[in-house]
Amino acid sequence: MPIPILRVELGASSLDTYLNQTKEDLSGAKDRIIPILDAVRRHGDSAVREYTKKFDGIELIELTVDPKSIKTNIPENLKSAFLKAKENIEAFHKHQVRKPIEVEIDGNRLGVKFTPIPSLAVYAPGGKALYPSSVLMGVIPAKIAGVSEIQLVTPPQKEGLPEILVWLCQILDIPRIVTAGGAQGIAACAYGTETIPKSEFIVGPGNAYVAAAKSHLAGLGIVGIDSPAGPSEVCIIADDSANPFWIACDMLSQAEHGEDSSAILLTTDETLAKEVSRQLEKAFIERPKRLAMKQKAIYENSAILIFPNLADCVAFSNQLAPEHLEIQTRSNEEVFSKVLHAGSVFIGPYSPVAMGDYISGTNHILPTASGSRIYSSLGVDTFLKRVTFQEIRKESLKRLYPQLQLMAELEGLDEEHGTSVRVRYEEI
């Protein structure tokens, strides 16, 4: 059962399948999480304990833990790897710090200052979906932005909290771990409970129930979130100069995230397309770990699409607006210059997505399901609020009042809006 290979013209109706397949339907999860959110809002700690026992089979005594109170024993080589990733992520994100703006417009002093959000919860999945690298990605830009209150929220484990998460909290100076996962953990941080402080913002990956809880609470204006999340995805633009074995490896690196993951190759070369398909089949035999998951992701959610030229490949990619976009062509920079929508772009043959996932320094918390058309990757800006200001000068108020009065009269607000300016105008 080889991966589908389709020769297409841009705009063919058959492409709708690939444009829509990454959108996760959270409606079923939303129906299940709303009662949980409401129960936590009304009953606090007791509801968190109840749902944790129901879903995780664990009786929680303490809902929060001080990571400094736990001794860890992390291998030195693993520490070195995470410390190098931390160093690179910090170095890249420090360049994103915004500077205040102050300008003179029509005689008045106008500007922008940036202030951090007050508090943040970073969600870290547990069990088989343990992603400690996401802790670095969520916490580091927030700290650079100046967020003062950060807590980690993660499902409890029967064998205790994962040591790597505890150690990361220690080196990142996170004072609190909330030991509740799923919708109840998200609700506890969003509303606050007797023992869990409220967070104004929540970021980090999670299952469908976590995603649904974040999206629902954000829609109510209770918290801010990174972006609505769905299955992991990669789109690869390649011509006949690309290495088909490497491309197959990159597609499978997304497929091993989950059976609902997506990997789409856009190419101009039929020979490359067929060889990538062959390499995928070969990999299933040679690297059978998580085989069923990878095969379902590749056979049901992925494809190889052959276009007449690279321009059409880029046009389709911009419609898809993928989470990850790889470019492996003879004209990488030219192709990249035409990319409008992508969560993160990986340019050239030595830039697999996995480098950005772990250690290059960019952020791997990215919009999915075409979300990059309206959302950006997580960064320092995510945690900054833009506050505009103005200082109006007497001369400017006098000069602009007649035009303002006309506008206020048009909108029917001249009695008070207009008066608030007129009383000053008459004193000048």
Protein backbone atom coordinates (compact mmCIF):
# COMPACT_ATOMS: atom_id res chain seq x y z
CA MET A 1 0.00 0.00 0.00
CA PRO A 2 2.28 2.81 -1.20
CA ILE A 3 1.77 6.45 -0.27
CA PRO A 4 -0.52 8.26 -2.73
CA ILE A 5 1.33 10.04 -5.55
CA LEU A 6 -0.79 12.56 -7.41
CA ARG A 7 0.12 14.60 -10.48
CA VAL A 8 -1.87 17.81 -10.20
CA GLU A 9 -2.52 21.24 -11.57
CA LEU A 10 -2.86 23.94 -8.93
CA GLY A 11 -6.48 24.40 -7.95
CA ALA A 12 -7.56 20.87 -8.79
CA SER A 13 -10.52 19.87 -6.61
CA SER A 14 -8.64 16.78 -5.43
CA LEU A 15 -6.27 19.07 -3.53
CA ASP A 16 -9.05 20.03 -1.11
CA THR A 17 -8.39 16.73 0.65
CA TYR A 18 -4.88 17.79 1.53
CA LEU A 19 -5.84 21.34 2.42
CA ASN A 20 -8.41 20.20 4.97
CA GLN A 21 -7.03 16.98 6.38
CA THR A 22 -4.90 18.61 9.09
CA LYS A 23 -7.83 20.37 10.73
CA GLU A 24 -8.65 18.49 13.90
CA ASP A 25 -12.32 18.24 14.87
CA LEU A 26 -12.44 19.15 18.55
CA SER A 27 -16.25 19.22 18.81
CA GLY A 28 -16.47 15.83 20.53
CA ALA A 29 -13.70 16.74 22.96
CA LYS A 30 -15.34 20.11 23.63
CA ASP A 31 -18.59 18.45 24.68
CA ARG A 32 -16.68 16.35 27.20
CA ILE A 33 -14.48 19.08 28.63
CA ILE A 34 -17.10 21.76 29.31
CA PRO A 35 -18.56 19.98 32.39
CA ILE A 36 -14.99 19.46 33.67
CA LEU A 37 -14.12 23.13 33.27
CA ASP A 38 -17.31 24.17 34.99
CA ALA A 39 -16.76 21.76 37.89
CA VAL A 40 -13.24 23.05 38.48
CA ARG A 41 -14.47 26.63 38.30
CA ARG A 42 -17.11 25.93 40.96
CA HIS A 43 -15.39 23.39 43.21
CA GLY A 44 -11.67 24.05 42.76
CA ASP A 45 -9.25 21.56 44.28
CA SER A 46 -11.85 18.90 45.01
CA ALA A 47 -12.91 18.76 41.35
CA VAL A 48 -9.29 18.57 40.20
CA ARG A 49 -8.71 15.64 42.56
CA GLU A 50 -11.91 13.92 41.44
CA TYR A 51 -11.10 14.08 37.74
CA THR A 52 -7.48 13.13 38.27
CA LYS A 53 -8.58 9.99 40.08
CA LYS A 54 -11.13 9.26 37.34
CA PHE A 55 -8.83 9.78 34.34
CA ASP A 56 -5.36 9.05 35.72
CA GLY A 57 -6.19 6.60 38.50
CA ILE A 58 -4.17 8.63 40.99
CA GLU A 59 -5.22 9.99 44.39
CA LEU A 60 -3.68 13.44 44.64
CA ILE A 61 -2.70 14.72 48.06
CA GLU A 62 -0.74 17.81 47.10
CA LEU A 63 -1.78 19.58 43.90
CA THR A 64 1.40 21.63 43.70
CA VAL A 65 5.05 20.73 44.21
CA ASP A 66 8.14 22.85 44.73
CA PRO A 67 10.66 21.42 42.24
CA LYS A 68 13.56 22.50 44.47
CA SER A 69 12.32 20.05 47.10
CA ILE A 70 12.94 17.06 44.80
CA LYS A 71 16.34 15.54 44.25
CA THR A 72 17.12 14.58 40.66
CA ASN A 73 19.71 12.34 39.07
CA ILE A 74 19.98 13.33 35.42
CA PRO A 75 22.88 11.90 33.37
CA GLU A 76 25.51 14.53 32.68
CA ASN A 77 25.40 14.03 28.91
CA LEU A 78 21.64 14.64 28.93
CA LYS A 79 22.11 17.74 31.07
CA SER A 80 24.68 19.03 28.58
CA ALA A 81 22.28 18.48 25.67
CA PHE A 82 19.45 20.41 27.32
CA LEU A 83 21.79 23.16 28.50
CA LYS A 84 23.05 23.62 24.92
CA ALA A 85 19.45 23.80 23.67
CA LYS A 86 18.67 26.32 26.43
CA GLU A 87 21.66 28.42 25.40
CA ASN A 88 20.64 28.49 21.73
CA ILE A 89 16.97 29.18 22.44
CA GLU A 90 17.88 32.05 24.76
CA ALA A 91 20.34 33.53 22.25
CA PHE A 92 17.77 33.51 19.43
CA HIS A 93 14.86 34.82 21.47
CA LYS A 94 16.84 37.68 23.02
CA HIS A 95 16.95 39.20 19.54
CA GLN A 96 13.14 39.39 19.60
CA VAL A 97 12.94 41.90 22.47
CA ARG A 98 10.87 44.90 21.40
CA LYS A 99 12.06 48.46 21.89
CA PRO A 100 9.69 51.26 22.92
CA ILE A 101 8.50 53.60 20.16
CA GLU A 102 8.14 57.37 20.50
CA VAL A 103 7.32 59.72 17.61
CA GLU A 104 6.02 63.22 16.92
CA ILE A 105 2.78 63.21 14.90
CA ASP A 106 1.11 66.51 14.05
CA GLY A 107 2.79 68.18 17.01
CA ASN A 108 1.88 65.50 19.57
CA ARG A 109 4.04 62.92 21.36
CA LEU A 110 2.78 59.42 20.53
CA GLY A 111 4.28 56.04 21.23
CA VAL A 112 4.18 52.44 22.29
CA LYS A 113 5.57 50.74 25.35
CA PHE A 114 5.61 46.98 25.87
CA THR A 115 4.60 45.30 29.10
CA PRO A 116 4.67 41.56 29.88
CA ILE A 117 1.63 39.50 30.71
CA PRO A 118 1.50 38.92 34.49
CA SER A 119 1.47 35.14 34.68
CA LEU A 120 1.89 31.98 32.62
CA ALA A 121 1.20 28.25 32.84
CA VAL A 122 3.27 25.98 30.60
CA TYR A 123 1.61 22.64 29.91
CA ALA A 124 3.87 19.59 29.62
CA PRO A 125 2.26 16.30 28.55
CA GLY A 126 3.10 13.16 30.51
CA GLY A 127 3.51 9.46 29.85
CA LYS A 128 4.49 8.39 26.34
CA ALA A 129 3.95 11.95 25.05
CA LEU A 130 6.60 13.44 27.34
CA TYR A 131 8.10 16.48 25.59
CA PRO A 132 10.55 18.16 28.00
CA SER A 133 11.93 20.24 25.13
CA SER A 134 8.57 22.06 25.06
CA VAL A 135 9.26 23.34 28.57
CA LEU A 136 12.30 25.20 27.26
CA MET A 137 10.29 26.51 24.32
CA GLY A 138 7.48 27.84 26.50
CA VAL A 139 9.41 29.21 29.45
CA ILE A 140 12.46 30.88 27.88
CA PRO A 141 10.72 33.49 25.68
CA ALA A 142 8.33 34.28 28.54
CA LYS A 143 11.21 34.96 30.91
CA ILE A 144 12.93 37.14 28.31
CA ALA A 145 9.66 39.08 27.91
CA GLY A 146 9.60 39.66 31.67
CA VAL A 147 6.76 37.38 32.78
CA SER A 148 7.17 37.24 36.55
CA GLU A 149 4.93 34.30 37.54
CA ILE A 150 5.41 31.00 35.69
CA GLN A 151 4.18 27.57 36.70
CA LEU A 152 4.45 24.19 34.99
CA VAL A 153 1.32 22.05 34.74
CA THR A 154 1.69 18.34 33.97
CA PRO A 155 -0.27 15.12 34.58
CA PRO A 156 0.76 13.12 37.66
CA GLN A 157 2.57 9.82 37.12
CA LYS A 158 2.20 6.75 39.32
CA GLU A 159 5.98 6.48 39.52
CA GLY A 160 6.30 10.17 40.42
CA LEU A 161 7.06 13.30 38.41
CA PRO A 162 9.52 12.75 35.55
CA GLU A 163 12.95 13.76 36.80
CA ILE A 164 13.78 15.62 33.61
CA LEU A 165 10.77 17.94 34.08
CA VAL A 166 11.73 18.59 37.69
CA TRP A 167 15.34 19.35 36.72
CA LEU A 168 14.23 21.70 33.95
CA CYS A 169 12.07 23.59 36.43
CA GLN A 170 15.10 23.88 38.69
CA ILE A 171 17.43 25.31 36.03
CA LEU A 172 14.70 27.58 34.64
CA ASP A 173 13.76 28.81 38.13
CA ILE A 174 10.11 27.72 37.92
CA PRO A 175 8.84 27.70 41.52
CA ARG A 176 5.77 25.50 41.12
CA ILE A 177 4.67 22.32 39.39
CA VAL A 178 0.91 21.76 39.21
CA THR A 179 0.35 18.00 39.24
CA ALA A 180 -2.85 17.85 37.23
CA GLY A 181 -3.21 17.18 33.54
CA GLY A 182 -5.91 17.21 30.90
CA ALA A 183 -8.83 19.60 30.94
CA GLN A 184 -8.87 19.72 34.73
CA GLY A 185 -5.25 20.91 34.86
CA ILE A 186 -5.95 23.59 32.25
CA ALA A 187 -9.08 24.71 34.11
CA ALA A 188 -7.23 24.87 37.43
CA CYS A 189 -4.64 27.23 35.97
CA ALA A 190 -7.21 29.28 34.06
CA TYR A 191 -9.60 29.85 36.98
CA GLY A 192 -7.30 29.34 39.94
CA THR A 193 -8.21 27.15 42.91
CA GLU A 194 -7.58 27.17 46.65
CA THR A 195 -3.99 26.00 46.10
CA ILE A 196 -3.29 26.67 42.39
CA PRO A 197 -2.75 30.30 41.36
CA LYS A 198 -4.55 31.61 38.31
CA SER A 199 -2.47 32.11 35.17
CA GLU A 200 -3.36 34.75 32.60
CA PHE A 201 -1.84 32.76 29.72
CA ILE A 202 -1.41 29.06 28.92
CA VAL A 203 0.92 27.54 26.32
CA GLY A 204 2.21 24.11 25.41
CA PRO A 205 1.19 20.95 23.55
CA GLY A 206 -1.38 18.43 24.71
CA ASN A 207 -4.02 15.96 23.56
CA ALA A 208 -7.38 16.84 22.04
CA TYR A 209 -8.92 17.52 25.47
CA VAL A 210 -6.12 19.90 26.42
CA ALA A 211 -6.44 21.67 23.05
CA ALA A 212 -10.22 21.91 23.37
CA ALA A 213 -9.97 23.25 26.93
CA LYS A 214 -7.44 25.91 25.94
CA SER A 215 -9.46 27.00 22.90
CA HIS A 216 -12.75 27.10 24.81
CA LEU A 217 -11.35 29.14 27.70
CA ALA A 218 -9.59 31.49 25.30
CA GLY A 219 -12.87 31.97 23.45
CA LEU A 220 -14.49 33.00 26.73
CA GLY A 221 -11.72 35.50 27.36
CA ILE A 222 -10.57 33.67 30.51
CA VAL A 223 -6.99 33.11 29.33
CA GLY A 224 -4.70 33.82 26.42
CA ILE A 225 -3.20 30.87 24.55
CA ASP A 226 -0.43 30.29 22.01
CA SER A 227 -2.69 29.12 19.16
CA PRO A 228 -5.30 26.40 18.59
CA ALA A 229 -3.31 23.20 18.23
CA GLY A 230 -3.80 20.14 16.06
CA PRO A 231 -1.76 17.19 14.79
CA SER A 232 1.88 17.77 13.82
CA GLU A 233 2.54 18.34 10.12
CA VAL A 234 5.32 18.96 7.63
CA CYS A 235 5.29 20.14 4.04
CA ILE A 236 8.42 19.67 1.91
CA ILE A 237 9.13 21.51 -1.34
CA ALA A 238 11.79 19.67 -3.34
CA ASP A 239 13.13 19.38 -6.87
CA ASP A 240 15.30 16.73 -8.53
CA SER A 241 18.38 17.92 -6.63
CA ALA A 242 16.99 16.70 -3.30
CA ASN A 243 17.99 13.49 -1.52
CA PRO A 244 14.95 11.15 -1.55
CA PHE A 245 16.20 9.13 1.43
CA TRP A 246 16.55 12.26 3.55
CA ILE A 247 13.09 13.45 2.50
CA ALA A 248 11.54 10.11 3.47
CA CYS A 249 13.26 10.37 6.87
CA ASP A 250 11.86 13.88 7.37
CA MET A 251 8.34 12.74 6.48
CA LEU A 252 8.58 9.86 8.93
CA SER A 253 9.88 12.14 11.69
CA GLN A 254 6.48 13.83 11.62
CA ALA A 255 4.59 10.55 11.24
CA GLU A 256 6.02 9.20 14.48
CA HIS A 257 4.31 12.01 16.42
CA GLY A 258 0.96 10.28 15.96
CA GLU A 259 -1.32 8.49 13.54
CA ASP A 260 -3.10 11.76 12.79
CA SER A 261 0.13 13.52 11.77
CA SER A 262 0.64 14.66 8.19
CA ALA A 263 3.62 14.76 5.80
CA ILE A 264 3.18 16.19 2.31
CA LEU A 265 5.86 16.36 -0.36
CA LEU A 266 5.47 18.92 -3.15
CA THR A 267 7.83 18.25 -6.03
CA THR A 268 8.37 18.89 -9.72
CA ASP A 269 10.13 15.57 -10.33
CA GLU A 270 8.34 12.24 -10.81
CA THR A 271 11.52 10.23 -10.33
CA LEU A 272 12.07 11.83 -6.93
CA ALA A 273 8.45 11.19 -6.00
CA LYS A 274 8.67 7.48 -6.77
CA GLU A 275 12.00 7.08 -4.97
CA VAL A 276 10.69 8.82 -1.84
CA SER A 277 7.73 6.42 -1.88
CA ARG A 278 10.12 3.49 -2.17
CA GLN A 279 12.26 4.80 0.68
CA LEU A 280 9.19 5.09 2.90
CA GLU A 281 8.27 1.46 2.29
CA LYS A 282 11.86 0.43 2.96
CA ALA A 283 11.91 2.37 6.23
CA PHE A 284 8.80 0.58 7.47
CA ILE A 285 10.74 -2.68 7.20
CA GLU A 286 14.06 -1.41 8.55
CA ARG A 287 12.71 0.83 11.36
CA PRO A 288 9.54 -0.79 12.66
CA LYS A 289 9.24 1.12 15.96
CA ARG A 290 5.75 2.68 16.16
CA LEU A 291 5.08 1.02 12.80
CA ALA A 292 1.28 1.04 12.87
CA MET A 293 1.25 4.70 13.90
CA LYS A 294 3.69 5.74 11.18
CA GLN A 295 1.93 3.74 8.48
CA LYS A 296 -1.47 5.20 9.29
CA ALA A 297 -0.07 8.74 9.27
CA ILE A 298 1.68 8.16 5.93
CA TYR A 299 -1.03 6.14 4.15
CA GLU A 300 -4.09 8.08 5.36
CA ASN A 301 -2.93 11.64 6.05
CA SER A 302 0.07 12.16 3.78
CA ALA A 303 0.77 12.42 0.06
CA ILE A 304 3.29 13.19 -2.65
CA LEU A 305 2.05 15.82 -5.08
CA ILE A 306 3.76 16.46 -8.43
CA PHE A 307 3.39 20.01 -9.76
CA PRO A 308 4.43 21.50 -13.13
CA ASN A 309 6.86 23.95 -11.51
CA LEU A 310 8.19 25.25 -8.19
CA ALA A 311 5.95 28.32 -8.32
CA ASP A 312 2.91 26.07 -8.13
CA CYS A 313 4.50 24.14 -5.26
CA VAL A 314 4.94 27.38 -3.32
CA ALA A 315 1.42 28.55 -4.16
CA PHE A 316 -0.03 25.31 -2.79
CA SER A 317 2.18 25.51 0.30
CA ASN A 318 0.89 29.02 0.97
CA GLN A 319 -2.65 27.66 0.78
CA LEU A 320 -1.76 24.81 3.12
CA ALA A 321 0.06 27.16 5.55
CA PRO A 322 1.89 24.25 7.20
CA GLU A 323 3.27 24.05 10.71
CA HIS A 324 6.71 23.07 9.35
CA LEU A 325 7.96 23.81 5.84
CA GLU A 326 11.17 22.36 4.43
CA ILE A 327 12.74 23.71 1.22
CA GLN A 328 15.22 21.46 -0.59
CA THR A 329 15.79 22.82 -4.09
CA ARG A 330 18.48 24.37 -6.27
CA SER A 331 16.99 27.81 -5.58
CA ASN A 332 16.21 27.73 -1.87
CA GLU A 333 16.36 31.48 -1.23
CA GLU A 334 14.20 32.28 -4.25
CA VAL A 335 11.59 29.78 -3.09
CA PHE A 336 11.76 31.06 0.49
CA SER A 337 11.23 34.66 -0.70
CA LYS A 338 7.80 33.62 -2.00
CA VAL A 339 6.70 31.83 1.20
CA LEU A 340 3.91 33.77 2.90
CA HIS A 341 2.45 31.37 5.45
CA ALA A 342 4.33 28.79 7.52
CA GLY A 343 4.93 28.21 11.21
CA SER A 344 8.67 27.66 10.80
CA VAL A 345 10.74 27.21 7.63
CA PHE A 346 13.75 24.88 7.27
CA ILE A 347 15.97 25.93 4.38
CA GLY A 348 18.37 23.59 2.62
CA PRO A 349 19.24 19.89 2.78
CA TYR A 350 20.87 20.06 6.22
CA SER A 351 17.85 21.61 7.97
CA PRO A 352 15.51 18.82 9.06
CA VAL A 353 12.58 19.80 11.28
CA ALA A 354 14.11 17.86 14.17
CA MET A 355 16.86 20.49 14.48
CA GLY A 356 14.24 23.14 15.24
CA ASP A 357 12.34 20.74 17.47
CA TYR A 358 15.26 20.47 19.82
CA ILE A 359 18.36 22.57 19.55
CA SER A 360 18.79 25.13 16.75
CA GLY A 361 17.21 27.91 18.82
CA THR A 362 13.93 28.67 17.05
CA ASN A 363 10.68 27.81 18.80
CA HIS A 364 8.85 24.57 18.12
CA ILE A 365 5.50 25.68 19.57
CA LEU A 366 3.87 26.51 16.25
CA PRO A 367 0.43 27.02 14.70
CA THR A 368 -1.03 23.96 12.97
CA ALA A 369 -3.99 23.23 10.70
CA SER A 370 -3.37 26.25 8.43
CA GLY A 371 -3.13 28.42 11.55
CA SER A 372 0.03 30.07 10.27
CA ARG A 373 -2.16 32.17 8.00
CA ILE A 374 -3.15 34.17 11.12
CA TYR A 375 -0.86 33.00 13.96
CA SER A 376 2.90 33.07 14.45
CA SER A 377 5.37 30.81 16.18
CA LEU A 378 5.66 31.25 19.94
CA GLY A 379 8.13 34.00 20.77
CA VAL A 380 8.88 36.92 23.04
CA ASP A 381 6.07 38.91 21.36
CA THR A 382 3.58 36.27 22.50
CA PHE A 383 4.05 37.42 26.08
CA LEU A 384 4.17 41.17 25.51
CA LYS A 385 1.25 43.57 25.48
CA ARG A 386 1.46 46.69 23.35
CA VAL A 387 0.44 49.82 25.29
CA THR A 388 0.03 52.96 23.19
CA PHE A 389 0.32 56.42 24.69
CA GLN A 390 -0.07 60.02 23.63
CA GLU A 391 0.66 63.45 25.02
CA ILE A 392 -1.43 66.08 23.25
CA ARG A 393 0.05 69.58 23.04
CA LYS A 394 -2.06 72.71 23.40
CA GLU A 395 -1.21 73.97 19.95
CA SER A 396 -2.21 70.67 18.37
CA LEU A 397 -5.49 70.45 20.25
CA LYS A 398 -6.39 73.96 19.08
CA ARG A 399 -5.49 73.14 15.50
CA LEU A 400 -7.29 69.78 15.36
CA TYR A 401 -10.44 70.60 17.37
CA PRO A 402 -12.57 71.79 14.40
CA GLN A 403 -11.99 68.55 12.49
CA LEU A 404 -12.61 66.47 15.62
CA GLN A 405 -15.88 68.27 16.28
CA LEU A 406 -17.12 67.47 12.77
CA MET A 407 -16.30 63.79 13.25
CA ALA A 408 -17.96 63.68 16.68
CA GLU A 409 -21.12 65.32 15.29
CA LEU A 410 -21.26 62.75 12.48
CA GLU A 411 -21.17 59.90 14.98
CA GLY A 412 -23.68 61.57 17.30
CA LEU A 413 -21.17 61.92 20.13
CA ASP A 414 -20.52 65.63 19.97
CA GLU A 415 -22.30 66.43 23.24
CA GLU A 416 -19.68 64.74 25.44
CA HIS A 417 -16.81 63.69 23.16
CA GLY A 418 -16.85 67.08 21.51
CA THR A 419 -17.33 68.92 24.78
CA SER A 420 -14.37 67.18 26.45
CA VAL A 421 -12.13 68.73 23.79
CA ARG A 422 -14.01 72.03 23.42
CA VAL A 423 -13.64 73.03 27.06
CA ARG A 424 -9.88 72.80 26.65
CA TYR A 425 -9.95 74.53 23.26
CA GLU A 426 -11.78 77.50 24.73
CA GLU A 427 -9.15 77.90 27.47
CA ILE A 428 -6.23 78.10 25.04
